Amino acid sequence: MSDVKQSSVMNCKGYTFIELMVALAVSSIVIAGSYAGYSLLARQQQFLNAQTSLDRNALRVVDLIQSDIRMAGYNDLKFDPMDRLNAVKVASSNDDLLLIYDDYDEFKNPYRALVHYYVESYTSSVTGKTRKRLMRDFRKCRNVSTDCDLIFSDTKYQGPILDWVNNFTVIGEDDFTQAKKFQGVYIKLQITPPDKIEGTTTSVAKNFNFRTRVKNVSLAQ
């Protein structure tokens, strides 16, 4: 009977120290590989999310700018025939765009509008960091019988339409009169998200370059 008990005890051996160390080393390698793979996938997902957010915000603004450019021109209100092409104005610094067009209010009364796109610096009161924002200023001209500009117009609504703008360059095109009276606009826009990709020093900056021609028939006459 004692021989049976002794045999059972001898068959119940545990793991040796070397076996435990080998198992621990293998487990560490597997865990480290899994963590590295997860970190890579997490960064890729964060990159894709940042890019999607950039695309969504930028394309919304691009559609708005293109819509305003296509509207530029004089349709129904009195204007000077000599200035009929002067509905698209680009600042000499190429970071400022003025668009003038005729439209109707909710009561179907005609009015002349001026849309001003420009870049403005903004400093956060929370972080203290300074960044640039693309602004849109929609204004109503006071007198349709004179040239409409920022002095002779009043703001109806104004505010930022795009944040974290690195570059906003406006180039006037199709100037047939050689007098800076453009029928087309080429815009270079670059934006970046506020946060960098986790675990890296990389930020997702993206360029959106587009050109738009004025659709108002009065500009082609």
Foldseek 3Di string as FASTA:
>chain_A
DVVVVVVVVVVPDDDDPVVVVVVVVVVVVVVVVVVVVVLVVLLVVVLVVQVVVVCVLVVVVVVVVQVQLQQAFEDPDDEDLVCRLVQWAADPVQFKIKGKHWDADPVRDIFIKIKIWGKDWDADPVPRDIAIFIKIWIWTADDRYDDGDPVRIGTPDMDTSGTQWPDWGKDADDPPPPPRRGFKIKIKTKGWDPDARPPDPHTDIDIDIDMHGHNDVSNVD
